[in-house]
C-alpha atoms as a PDB file:
ATOM      1  CA  MET A   1      81.588  78.607 100.419  1.00  0.00           C
ATOM      2  CA  ILE A   2      83.184  78.349  96.954  1.00  0.00           C
ATOM      3  CA  GLN A   3      86.393  77.001  98.517  1.00  0.00           C
ATOM      4  CA  LYS A   4      84.372  74.336 100.339  1.00  0.00           C
ATOM      5  CA  ILE A   5      82.676  73.263  97.109  1.00  0.00           C
ATOM      6  CA  ILE A   6      85.966  73.133  95.192  1.00  0.00           C
ATOM      7  CA  THR A   7      87.658  71.012  97.862  1.00  0.00           C
ATOM      8  CA  SER A   8      84.660  68.731  98.510  1.00  0.00           C
ATOM      9  CA  ARG A   9      84.992  64.995  97.974  1.00  0.00           C
ATOM     10  CA  GLU A  10      82.335  65.083  95.253  1.00  0.00           C
ATOM     11  CA  MET A  11      84.111  67.802  93.275  1.00  0.00           C
ATOM     12  CA  ILE A  12      87.457  66.010  93.545  1.00  0.00           C
ATOM     13  CA  LEU A  13      85.873  62.763  92.348  1.00  0.00           C
ATOM     14  CA  ALA A  14      84.010  64.493  89.510  1.00  0.00           C
ATOM     15  CA  THR A  15      87.277  66.110  88.406  1.00  0.00           C
ATOM     16  CA  ALA A  16      89.026  62.736  88.517  1.00  0.00           C
ATOM     17  CA  ILE A  17      86.295  61.247  86.313  1.00  0.00           C
ATOM     18  CA  VAL A  18      86.636  64.063  83.776  1.00  0.00           C
ATOM     19  CA  ILE A  19      90.438  63.675  83.680  1.00  0.00           C
ATOM     20  CA  LEU A  20      90.086  59.902  83.302  1.00  0.00           C
ATOM     21  CA  VAL A  21      87.615  60.308  80.429  1.00  0.00           C
ATOM     22  CA  CYS A  22      89.897  62.838  78.718  1.00  0.00           C
ATOM     23  CA  CYS A  23      92.897  60.493  79.010  1.00  0.00           C
ATOM     24  CA  ILE A  24      90.890  57.634  77.523  1.00  0.00           C
ATOM     25  CA  ALA A  25      89.558  59.891  74.750  1.00  0.00           C
ATOM     26  CA  TYR A  26      93.139  60.800  73.855  1.00  0.00           C
ATOM     27  CA  VAL A  27      93.860  57.117  73.172  1.00  0.00           C
ATOM     28  CA  PHE A  28      90.416  56.240  71.812  1.00  0.00           C
ATOM     29  CA  PRO A  29      88.491  59.345  70.632  1.00  0.00           C
ATOM     30  CA  GLY A  30      85.322  57.363  69.971  1.00  0.00           C
ATOM     31  CA  PHE A  31      84.875  56.808  73.703  1.00  0.00           C
ATOM     32  CA  ILE A  32      83.409  60.292  74.229  1.00  0.00           C
ATOM     33  CA  ALA A  33      80.800  59.966  71.501  1.00  0.00           C
ATOM     34  CA  PRO A  34      77.388  60.776  73.058  1.00  0.00           C
ATOM     35  CA  ALA A  35      75.971  57.356  72.176  1.00  0.00           C
ATOM     36  CA  ASN A  36      78.959  55.594  73.727  1.00  0.00           C
ATOM     37  CA  LEU A  37      78.763  57.670  76.905  1.00  0.00           C
ATOM     38  CA  ALA A  38      75.049  56.875  77.148  1.00  0.00           C
ATOM     39  CA  ASP A  39      75.845  53.166  76.789  1.00  0.00           C
ATOM     40  CA  ALA A  40      78.525  53.434  79.478  1.00  0.00           C
ATOM     41  CA  PHE A  41      76.055  55.089  81.851  1.00  0.00           C
ATOM     42  CA  ASN A  42      73.479  52.405  81.090  1.00  0.00           C
ATOM     43  CA  ASP A  43      76.057  49.702  81.832  1.00  0.00           C
ATOM     44  CA  THR A  44      76.759  51.426  85.157  1.00  0.00           C
ATOM     45  CA  SER A  45      73.087  51.857  86.124  1.00  0.00           C
ATOM     46  CA  PRO A  46      72.753  48.514  88.001  1.00  0.00           C
ATOM     47  CA  LEU A  47      75.858  49.418  90.010  1.00  0.00           C
ATOM     48  CA  ILE A  48      74.405  52.856  90.845  1.00  0.00           C
ATOM     49  CA  ILE A  49      71.140  51.336  92.098  1.00  0.00           C
ATOM     50  CA  LEU A  50      72.852  48.694  94.227  1.00  0.00           C
ATOM     51  CA  ALA A  51      75.453  51.143  95.549  1.00  0.00           C
ATOM     52  CA  LEU A  52      72.713  53.464  96.795  1.00  0.00           C
ATOM     53  CA  GLY A  53      71.148  50.570  98.689  1.00  0.00           C
ATOM     54  CA  GLN A  54      74.531  49.589 100.114  1.00  0.00           C
ATOM     55  CA  MET A  55      75.179  53.213 101.051  1.00  0.00           C
ATOM     56  CA  ILE A  56      72.388  53.383 103.624  1.00  0.00           C
ATOM     57  CA  VAL A  57      73.465  50.039 105.099  1.00  0.00           C
ATOM     58  CA  ILE A  58      77.069  51.219 105.512  1.00  0.00           C
ATOM     59  CA  LEU A  59      75.862  54.523 106.954  1.00  0.00           C
ATOM     60  CA  THR A  60      74.381  52.528 109.865  1.00  0.00           C
ATOM     61  CA  ARG A  61      77.737  50.773 110.520  1.00  0.00           C
ATOM     62  CA  CYS A  62      76.656  47.564 108.755  1.00  0.00           C
ATOM     63  CA  ILE A  63      77.469  45.942 105.406  1.00  0.00           C
ATOM     64  CA  ASP A  64      75.486  43.721 103.040  1.00  0.00           C
ATOM     65  CA  LEU A  65      77.601  41.226 101.108  1.00  0.00           C
ATOM     66  CA  SER A  66      74.526  39.375  99.828  1.00  0.00           C
ATOM     67  CA  VAL A  67      73.292  42.029  97.388  1.00  0.00           C
ATOM     68  CA  ALA A  68      74.613  40.275  94.272  1.00  0.00           C
ATOM     69  CA  ALA A  69      73.242  36.910  95.431  1.00  0.00           C
ATOM     70  CA  ASN A  70      69.904  38.606  96.138  1.00  0.00           C
ATOM     71  CA  LEU A  71      69.997  40.050  92.612  1.00  0.00           C
ATOM     72  CA  ALA A  72      70.804  36.650  91.116  1.00  0.00           C
ATOM     73  CA  LEU A  73      68.109  34.744  93.038  1.00  0.00           C
ATOM     74  CA  THR A  74      65.447  37.349  92.311  1.00  0.00           C
ATOM     75  CA  GLY A  75      66.412  37.405  88.643  1.00  0.00           C
ATOM     76  CA  MET A  76      66.147  33.620  88.444  1.00  0.00           C
ATOM     77  CA  ILE A  77      62.747  33.637  90.177  1.00  0.00           C
ATOM     78  CA  VAL A  78      61.178  36.164  87.804  1.00  0.00           C
ATOM     79  CA  ALA A  79      62.808  34.499  84.780  1.00  0.00           C
ATOM     80  CA  MET A  80      61.327  31.139  85.783  1.00  0.00           C
ATOM     81  CA  ILE A  81      57.909  32.712  86.341  1.00  0.00           C
ATOM     82  CA  ASN A  82      58.133  34.357  82.928  1.00  0.00           C
ATOM     83  CA  THR A  83      58.924  31.066  81.189  1.00  0.00           C
ATOM     84  CA  GLN A  84      55.919  29.425  82.871  1.00  0.00           C
ATOM     85  CA  PHE A  85      53.524  32.365  82.446  1.00  0.00           C
ATOM     86  CA  PRO A  86      54.776  34.374  79.449  1.00  0.00           C
ATOM     87  CA  THR A  87      51.632  36.523  79.289  1.00  0.00           C
ATOM     88  CA  LEU A  88      52.019  37.782  82.864  1.00  0.00           C
ATOM     89  CA  PRO A  89      52.399  41.588  82.685  1.00  0.00           C
ATOM     90  CA  VAL A  90      55.871  42.979  83.315  1.00  0.00           C
ATOM     91  CA  PRO A  91      54.710  45.343  86.124  1.00  0.00           C
ATOM     92  CA  ILE A  92      53.567  42.301  88.119  1.00  0.00           C
ATOM     93  CA  LEU A  93      56.956  40.648  87.604  1.00  0.00           C
ATOM     94  CA  ILE A  94      58.670  43.825  88.789  1.00  0.00           C
ATOM     95  CA  VAL A  95      56.526  43.871  91.926  1.00  0.00           C
ATOM     96  CA  ILE A  96      57.379  40.203  92.550  1.00  0.00           C
ATOM     97  CA  ALA A  97      61.076  40.985  92.111  1.00  0.00           C
ATOM     98  CA  ILE A  98      60.942  43.896  94.558  1.00  0.00           C
ATOM     99  CA  LEU A  99      58.991  41.856  97.119  1.00  0.00           C
ATOM    100  CA  ALA A 100      61.381  38.900  96.849  1.00  0.00           C
ATOM    101  CA  GLY A 101      64.380  41.190  97.288  1.00  0.00           C
ATOM    102  CA  THR A 102      62.697  42.956 100.195  1.00  0.00           C
ATOM    103  CA  VAL A 103      62.124  39.646 102.005  1.00  0.00           C
ATOM    104  CA  MET A 104      65.780  38.666 101.566  1.00  0.00           C
ATOM    105  CA  GLY A 105      66.939  42.064 102.796  1.00  0.00           C
ATOM    106  CA  ALA A 106      64.558  41.857 105.765  1.00  0.00           C
ATOM    107  CA  ILE A 107      66.023  38.461 106.722  1.00  0.00           C
ATOM    108  CA  ASN A 108      69.478  40.044 106.893  1.00  0.00           C
ATOM    109  CA  GLY A 109      68.093  42.880 108.982  1.00  0.00           C
ATOM    110  CA  LEU A 110      66.221  40.638 111.389  1.00  0.00           C
ATOM    111  CA  LEU A 111      69.208  38.381 112.007  1.00  0.00           C
ATOM    112  CA  THR A 112      71.390  41.406 112.680  1.00  0.00           C
ATOM    113  CA  TRP A 113      68.803  43.173 114.829  1.00  0.00           C
ATOM    114  CA  LYS A 114      67.186  40.410 116.865  1.00  0.00           C
ATOM    115  CA  LEU A 115      70.060  37.923 117.183  1.00  0.00           C
ATOM    116  CA  ASP A 116      72.809  40.549 117.368  1.00  0.00           C
ATOM    117  CA  ILE A 117      74.962  38.671 114.827  1.00  0.00           C
ATOM    118  CA  PRO A 118      77.657  40.768 113.116  1.00  0.00           C
ATOM    119  CA  PRO A 119      76.323  41.957 109.719  1.00  0.00           C
ATOM    120  CA  ILE A 120      79.333  40.662 107.802  1.00  0.00           C
ATOM    121  CA  VAL A 121      78.729  37.159 109.197  1.00  0.00           C
ATOM    122  CA  VAL A 122      74.991  37.299 108.503  1.00  0.00           C
ATOM    123  CA  THR A 123      75.349  38.463 104.919  1.00  0.00           C
ATOM    124  CA  LEU A 124      78.192  36.066 104.107  1.00  0.00           C
ATOM    125  CA  GLY A 125      75.882  33.278 105.249  1.00  0.00           C
ATOM    126  CA  THR A 126      72.825  34.477 103.371  1.00  0.00           C
ATOM    127  CA  MET A 127      74.948  35.132 100.287  1.00  0.00           C
ATOM    128  CA  THR A 128      75.861  31.433 100.218  1.00  0.00           C
ATOM    129  CA  ILE A 129      72.291  30.361 100.963  1.00  0.00           C
ATOM    130  CA  TYR A 130      70.813  32.500  98.186  1.00  0.00           C
ATOM    131  CA  ARG A 131      73.348  31.172  95.663  1.00  0.00           C
ATOM    132  CA  GLY A 132      72.507  27.641  96.746  1.00  0.00           C
ATOM    133  CA  LEU A 133      68.781  28.290  96.348  1.00  0.00           C
ATOM    134  CA  ILE A 134      69.363  29.413  92.765  1.00  0.00           C
ATOM    135  CA  PHE A 135      70.941  26.041  92.001  1.00  0.00           C
ATOM    136  CA  LEU A 136      68.118  24.154  93.722  1.00  0.00           C
ATOM    137  CA  LEU A 137      65.401  26.105  91.920  1.00  0.00           C
ATOM    138  CA  SER A 138      67.004  25.924  88.476  1.00  0.00           C
ATOM    139  CA  GLU A 139      68.700  22.533  88.937  1.00  0.00           C
ATOM    140  CA  GLY A 140      71.800  24.203  87.527  1.00  0.00           C
ATOM    141  CA  GLN A 141      70.091  25.006  84.223  1.00  0.00           C
ATOM    142  CA  TRP A 142      70.337  28.293  82.351  1.00  0.00           C
ATOM    143  CA  ILE A 143      67.323  30.289  81.170  1.00  0.00           C
ATOM    144  CA  ASN A 144      68.221  31.818  77.819  1.00  0.00           C
ATOM    145  CA  ALA A 145      66.798  34.594  75.646  1.00  0.00           C
ATOM    146  CA  HIS A 146      64.600  32.349  73.491  1.00  0.00           C
ATOM    147  CA  GLU A 147      62.797  31.108  76.622  1.00  0.00           C
ATOM    148  CA  MET A 148      61.892  34.624  77.788  1.00  0.00           C
ATOM    149  CA  SER A 149      58.966  36.638  76.434  1.00  0.00           C
ATOM    150  CA  ASP A 150      59.665  39.669  74.252  1.00  0.00           C
ATOM    151  CA  SER A 151      57.952  42.053  76.677  1.00  0.00           C
ATOM    152  CA  PHE A 152      60.067  40.694  79.570  1.00  0.00           C
ATOM    153  CA  LYS A 153      63.279  41.520  77.699  1.00  0.00           C
ATOM    154  CA  ALA A 154      62.088  44.776  76.146  1.00  0.00           C
ATOM    155  CA  PHE A 155      61.200  46.828  79.226  1.00  0.00           C
ATOM    156  CA  PRO A 156      64.696  47.836  80.490  1.00  0.00           C
ATOM    157  CA  ARG A 157      65.871  48.379  76.891  1.00  0.00           C
ATOM    158  CA  HIS A 158      63.001  50.650  75.837  1.00  0.00           C
ATOM    159  CA  GLU A 159      64.342  54.148  75.102  1.00  0.00           C
ATOM    160  CA  ILE A 160      62.885  57.431  76.346  1.00  0.00           C
ATOM    161  CA  LEU A 161      64.639  60.588  75.106  1.00  0.00           C
ATOM    162  CA  HIS A 162      67.495  58.416  73.769  1.00  0.00           C
ATOM    163  CA  LEU A 163      68.123  56.790  77.167  1.00  0.00           C
ATOM    164  CA  PRO A 164      67.020  53.240  78.053  1.00  0.00           C
ATOM    165  CA  VAL A 165      64.489  52.743  80.871  1.00  0.00           C
ATOM    166  CA  LEU A 166      67.274  51.125  82.940  1.00  0.00           C
ATOM    167  CA  SER A 167      69.159  54.427  82.955  1.00  0.00           C
ATOM    168  CA  TRP A 168      66.033  56.388  83.861  1.00  0.00           C
ATOM    169  CA  ILE A 169      65.355  54.058  86.773  1.00  0.00           C
ATOM    170  CA  ALA A 170      68.893  54.678  88.081  1.00  0.00           C
ATOM    171  CA  ILE A 171      68.305  58.438  87.779  1.00  0.00           C
ATOM    172  CA  GLY A 172      64.923  58.129  89.505  1.00  0.00           C
ATOM    173  CA  VAL A 173      66.343  56.084  92.394  1.00  0.00           C
ATOM    174  CA  THR A 174      69.118  58.663  92.806  1.00  0.00           C
ATOM    175  CA  LEU A 175      66.611  61.521  93.062  1.00  0.00           C
ATOM    176  CA  LEU A 176      64.455  59.576  95.531  1.00  0.00           C
ATOM    177  CA  PHE A 177      67.479  58.878  97.732  1.00  0.00           C
ATOM    178  CA  ILE A 178      68.542  62.520  97.688  1.00  0.00           C
ATOM    179  CA  VAL A 179      65.116  63.448  99.029  1.00  0.00           C
ATOM    180  CA  MET A 180      65.002  60.548 101.496  1.00  0.00           C
ATOM    181  CA  VAL A 181      68.366  61.095 103.192  1.00  0.00           C
ATOM    182  CA  SER A 182      68.002  64.872 103.409  1.00  0.00           C
ATOM    183  CA  ARG A 183      64.290  65.419 103.981  1.00  0.00           C
ATOM    184  CA  THR A 184      62.884  62.443 105.894  1.00  0.00           C
ATOM    185  CA  PRO A 185      63.301  61.289 109.517  1.00  0.00           C
ATOM    186  CA  LEU A 186      64.344  57.821 108.299  1.00  0.00           C
ATOM    187  CA  GLY A 187      67.126  59.250 106.146  1.00  0.00           C
ATOM    188  CA  ARG A 188      68.442  61.381 108.989  1.00  0.00           C
ATOM    189  CA  SER A 189      68.272  58.409 111.360  1.00  0.00           C
ATOM    190  CA  PHE A 190      70.673  56.455 109.106  1.00  0.00           C
ATOM    191  CA  TYR A 191      73.296  59.153 109.692  1.00  0.00           C
ATOM    192  CA  ALA A 192      72.492  59.439 113.394  1.00  0.00           C
ATOM    193  CA  VAL A 193      72.834  55.697 114.011  1.00  0.00           C
ATOM    194  CA  GLY A 194      76.131  55.498 112.133  1.00  0.00           C
ATOM    195  CA  GLY A 195      77.565  58.704 113.517  1.00  0.00           C
ATOM    196  CA  ASN A 196      76.857  58.043 117.193  1.00  0.00           C
ATOM    197  CA  PRO A 197      74.628  55.083 118.156  1.00  0.00           C
ATOM    198  CA  GLY A 198      74.615  56.082 121.820  1.00  0.00           C
ATOM    199  CA  ALA A 199      73.414  59.598 121.095  1.00  0.00           C
ATOM    200  CA  ALA A 200      70.848  58.185 118.634  1.00  0.00           C
ATOM    201  CA  VAL A 201      69.327  56.096 121.420  1.00  0.00           C
ATOM    202  CA  TYR A 202      69.054  59.162 123.669  1.00  0.00           C
ATOM    203  CA  ALA A 203      67.360  60.952 120.757  1.00  0.00           C
ATOM    204  CA  GLY A 204      64.701  58.227 120.667  1.00  0.00           C
ATOM    205  CA  ILE A 205      65.993  56.378 117.597  1.00  0.00           C
ATOM    206  CA  ASP A 206      65.820  52.581 117.652  1.00  0.00           C
ATOM    207  CA  VAL A 207      69.256  51.558 116.326  1.00  0.00           C
ATOM    208  CA  GLY A 208      68.318  47.965 115.508  1.00  0.00           C
ATOM    209  CA  ARG A 209      65.099  48.961 113.745  1.00  0.00           C
ATOM    210  CA  THR A 210      66.931  51.585 111.692  1.00  0.00           C
ATOM    211  CA  GLN A 211      69.533  49.043 110.597  1.00  0.00           C
ATOM    212  CA  PHE A 212      66.703  46.633 109.749  1.00  0.00           C
ATOM    213  CA  MET A 213      65.096  49.290 107.535  1.00  0.00           C
ATOM    214  CA  ALA A 214      68.425  49.909 105.794  1.00  0.00           C
ATOM    215  CA  PHE A 215      68.851  46.203 105.011  1.00  0.00           C
ATOM    216  CA  THR A 216      65.229  45.960 103.830  1.00  0.00           C
ATOM    217  CA  LEU A 217      65.520  48.925 101.449  1.00  0.00           C
ATOM    218  CA  CYS A 218      68.829  47.580 100.156  1.00  0.00           C
ATOM    219  CA  GLY A 219      67.176  44.225  99.513  1.00  0.00           C
ATOM    220  CA  ALA A 220      64.281  45.855  97.657  1.00  0.00           C
ATOM    221  CA  LEU A 221      66.713  47.627  95.321  1.00  0.00           C
ATOM    222  CA  ALA A 222      68.645  44.384  94.796  1.00  0.00           C
ATOM    223  CA  GLY A 223      65.376  42.665  93.870  1.00  0.00           C
ATOM    224  CA  LEU A 224      64.485  45.390  91.377  1.00  0.00           C
ATOM    225  CA  THR A 225      67.977  45.181  89.890  1.00  0.00           C
ATOM    226  CA  GLY A 226      67.607  41.396  89.635  1.00  0.00           C
ATOM    227  CA  TYR A 227      64.777  41.750  87.148  1.00  0.00           C
ATOM    228  CA  LEU A 228      66.474  44.594  85.259  1.00  0.00           C
ATOM    229  CA  TRP A 229      69.759  42.657  84.982  1.00  0.00           C
ATOM    230  CA  VAL A 230      68.226  39.395  83.762  1.00  0.00           C
ATOM    231  CA  ALA A 231      65.860  41.132  81.356  1.00  0.00           C
ATOM    232  CA  ARG A 232      68.574  43.351  79.911  1.00  0.00           C
ATOM    233  CA  TYR A 233      71.126  40.578  79.354  1.00  0.00           C
ATOM    234  CA  ALA A 234      68.414  37.998  78.555  1.00  0.00           C
ATOM    235  CA  VAL A 235      70.007  35.195  80.576  1.00  0.00           C
ATOM    236  CA  ALA A 236      69.671  33.766  84.085  1.00  0.00           C
ATOM    237  CA  TYR A 237      72.058  31.275  85.702  1.00  0.00           C
ATOM    238  CA  VAL A 238      73.571  30.342  89.057  1.00  0.00           C
ATOM    239  CA  ASP A 239      76.663  32.564  88.939  1.00  0.00           C
ATOM    240  CA  ILE A 240      75.032  35.678  87.558  1.00  0.00           C
ATOM    241  CA  ALA A 241      76.648  38.859  88.962  1.00  0.00           C
ATOM    242  CA  GLY A 242      79.267  36.744  90.742  1.00  0.00           C
ATOM    243  CA  GLY A 243      81.565  38.994  92.766  1.00  0.00           C
ATOM    244  CA  PHE A 244      79.509  42.089  91.957  1.00  0.00           C
ATOM    245  CA  GLU A 245      79.025  42.781  95.667  1.00  0.00           C
ATOM    246  CA  LEU A 246      82.680  43.858  95.775  1.00  0.00           C
ATOM    247  CA  ASP A 247      82.081  46.451  93.065  1.00  0.00           C
ATOM    248  CA  VAL A 248      79.084  47.733  95.016  1.00  0.00           C
ATOM    249  CA  VAL A 249      81.111  48.197  98.206  1.00  0.00           C
ATOM    250  CA  ALA A 250      83.952  49.721  96.174  1.00  0.00           C
ATOM    251  CA  ALA A 251      81.606  52.288  94.611  1.00  0.00           C
ATOM    252  CA  CYS A 252      80.458  53.364  98.073  1.00  0.00           C
ATOM    253  CA  VAL A 253      83.972  53.604  99.493  1.00  0.00           C
ATOM    254  CA  ILE A 254      85.341  55.475  96.478  1.00  0.00           C
ATOM    255  CA  GLY A 255      82.339  57.780  96.715  1.00  0.00           C
ATOM    256  CA  GLY A 256      83.275  58.777 100.257  1.00  0.00           C
ATOM    257  CA  ILE A 257      81.008  56.542 102.352  1.00  0.00           C
ATOM    258  CA  SER A 258      82.858  55.838 105.600  1.00  0.00           C
ATOM    259  CA  ILE A 259      83.044  52.172 106.604  1.00  0.00           C
ATOM    260  CA  ALA A 260      82.817  53.438 110.203  1.00  0.00           C
ATOM    261  CA  GLY A 261      79.349  54.770 109.393  1.00  0.00           C
ATOM    262  CA  GLY A 262      77.567  58.108 109.464  1.00  0.00           C
ATOM    263  CA  ILE A 263      79.516  59.865 106.688  1.00  0.00           C
ATOM    264  CA  GLY A 264      78.770  60.079 102.969  1.00  0.00           C
ATOM    265  CA  THR A 265      76.415  61.476 100.344  1.00  0.00           C
ATOM    266  CA  VAL A 266      74.172  60.187  97.574  1.00  0.00           C
ATOM    267  CA  ILE A 267      76.019  62.219  94.932  1.00  0.00           C
ATOM    268  CA  GLY A 268      79.355  60.857  96.136  1.00  0.00           C
ATOM    269  CA  THR A 269      78.053  57.291  95.895  1.00  0.00           C
ATOM    270  CA  VAL A 270      76.771  57.842  92.359  1.00  0.00           C
ATOM    271  CA  LEU A 271      80.084  59.400  91.325  1.00  0.00           C
ATOM    272  CA  GLY A 272      81.940  56.444  92.860  1.00  0.00           C
ATOM    273  CA  ALA A 273      79.827  54.061  90.777  1.00  0.00           C
ATOM    274  CA  ILE A 274      80.399  56.139  87.637  1.00  0.00           C
ATOM    275  CA  PHE A 275      84.150  56.186  88.308  1.00  0.00           C
ATOM    276  CA  LEU A 276      84.192  52.378  88.434  1.00  0.00           C
ATOM    277  CA  GLY A 277      81.891  52.213  85.431  1.00  0.00           C
ATOM    278  CA  VAL A 278      84.258  54.346  83.358  1.00  0.00           C
ATOM    279  CA  ILE A 279      87.176  52.110  84.341  1.00  0.00           C
ATOM    280  CA  LYS A 280      85.322  48.908  83.470  1.00  0.00           C
ATOM    281  CA  ASN A 281      84.071  50.263  80.135  1.00  0.00           C
ATOM    282  CA  ALA A 282      87.279  51.979  79.068  1.00  0.00           C
ATOM    283  CA  LEU A 283      90.121  49.707  80.098  1.00  0.00           C
ATOM    284  CA  PRO A 284      89.192  46.863  77.717  1.00  0.00           C
ATOM    285  CA  VAL A 285      89.023  49.430  74.893  1.00  0.00           C
ATOM    286  CA  VAL A 286      92.615  50.510  75.502  1.00  0.00           C
ATOM    287  CA  GLY A 287      93.800  46.904  75.728  1.00  0.00           C
ATOM    288  CA  ILE A 288      94.171  46.403  79.498  1.00  0.00           C
ATOM    289  CA  SER A 289      93.493  42.838  80.662  1.00  0.00           C
ATOM    290  CA  PRO A 290      90.671  41.919  83.100  1.00  0.00           C
ATOM    291  CA  PHE A 291      93.279  40.940  85.721  1.00  0.00           C
ATOM    292  CA  ALA A 292      94.854  44.390  85.543  1.00  0.00           C
ATOM    293  CA  GLN A 293      91.369  45.891  85.856  1.00  0.00           C
ATOM    294  CA  LEU A 294      90.880  43.998  89.114  1.00  0.00           C
ATOM    295  CA  ALA A 295      94.201  45.287  90.399  1.00  0.00           C
ATOM    296  CA  ILE A 296      93.294  48.863  89.454  1.00  0.00           C
ATOM    297  CA  SER A 297      89.880  48.576  91.136  1.00  0.00           C
ATOM    298  CA  GLY A 298      91.509  47.148  94.270  1.00  0.00           C
ATOM    299  CA  ALA A 299      94.067  49.938  94.349  1.00  0.00           C
ATOM    300  CA  ALA A 300      91.287  52.504  93.991  1.00  0.00           C
ATOM    301  CA  ILE A 301      89.493  50.992  97.015  1.00  0.00           C
ATOM    302  CA  ILE A 302      92.615  51.093  99.202  1.00  0.00           C
ATOM    303  CA  ILE A 303      93.388  54.686  98.204  1.00  0.00           C
ATOM    304  CA  ALA A 304      89.775  55.697  98.874  1.00  0.00           C
ATOM    305  CA  VAL A 305      89.724  54.045 102.320  1.00  0.00           C
ATOM    306  CA  ALA A 306      93.003  55.759 103.231  1.00  0.00           C
ATOM    307  CA  PHE A 307      91.635  59.091 102.024  1.00  0.00           C
ATOM    308  CA  ASN A 308      88.417  58.592 104.024  1.00  0.00           C
ATOM    309  CA  ALA A 309      90.352  57.710 107.176  1.00  0.00           C
ATOM    310  CA  LYS A 310      92.577  60.767 106.834  1.00  0.00           C
ATOM    311  CA  SER A 311      89.591  63.047 106.245  1.00  0.00           C
ATOM    312  CA  SER A 312      87.823  61.657 109.317  1.00  0.00           C
ATOM    313  CA  ARG A 313      90.863  62.291 111.504  1.00  0.00           C
ATOM    314  CA  GLN A 314      91.109  65.846 110.276  1.00  0.00           C
ATOM    315  CA  LYS A 315      87.444  66.535 111.049  1.00  0.00           C
ATOM    316  CA  GLY A 316      87.535  64.989 114.502  1.00  0.00           C
ATOM    317  CA  ARG A 317      88.305  66.909 117.686  1.00  0.00           C
ATOM    318  CA  LEU A 318      89.125  65.507 121.119  1.00  0.00           C
ATOM    319  CA  ILE A 319      86.670  66.955 123.655  1.00  0.00           C
ATOM    320  CA  LEU A 320      87.346  64.709 126.653  1.00  0.00           C
ATOM    321  CA  LYS A 321      90.600  63.073 127.580  1.00  0.00           C
ATOM    322  CA  PRO A 322      90.528  59.257 127.958  1.00  0.00           C
ATOM    323  CA  GLN A 323      90.649  59.448 131.782  1.00  0.00           C
ATOM    324  CA  GLU A 324      87.721  61.889 131.783  1.00  0.00           C
ATOM    325  CA  LEU A 325      85.698  59.482 129.640  1.00  0.00           C
ATOM    326  CA  LYS A 326      86.313  56.715 132.182  1.00  0.00           C
ATOM    327  CA  GLY A 327      85.578  58.845 135.174  1.00  0.00           C
END
């Protein structure tokens, strides 16, 4: 049992994060100050939330490339509502954000389920549509901090036990997902659909409906993150979170989520997001350019995919020969 824990993907990734932090601390000792580490985790919190949503989509052999566009459109919607109705309570705005994100996620799920369109095609299309809608709604204009109410901006920044609410929400979503994927029929169905869709059907699981639920939950989290992102940074514009969907997929892959579906854990996904978060927070400190950061992130994705593929081959076992499968 101990050997299994030591050699698990999560332990290897956690060790890599610790080594990375130690190397950075050697160059810049201030990086490991508790306040700085808390800030780094807070910066990574939106990525953790979105990566968990993407995780369940990938588990079902799908992918959602529209999460960042969903975030951006939802953030613009609630920011515009706030400028028009500054006294509207923040909880209502959060509910609006979640509902808007849920609708966008459900659209992805319905198109994939009912029209049988490949998920990557669906979400590439909706990604472009959502970005276009932001421009149409805002007419290309920015919404800046002075146009937002103080309560709108304050919520994700409010500190509880020295951690901002944004960080606590990421922790809360992580705990909820741990319970969901391990203790609920829906969570287990995500793994069943991704692991073996044919067997899932025989077990009475509706594959299309399960994928629809994954997209819908992912959209809801993207909507929530849309409000948190815009409120925290106090700005909303067309290109907000541009390209962030790649970081979300990267966090999942680095965390051990198999692109082929059915394999991965919540803890692994969170660690993958933290690994990327450490890189993005630390590399500028040690003087590495943004272009080199992109190259390092890309290399990490390729290495992680190769590692996942190798692990999957090692775990697999041929039961029937190809001719027996045909016969």
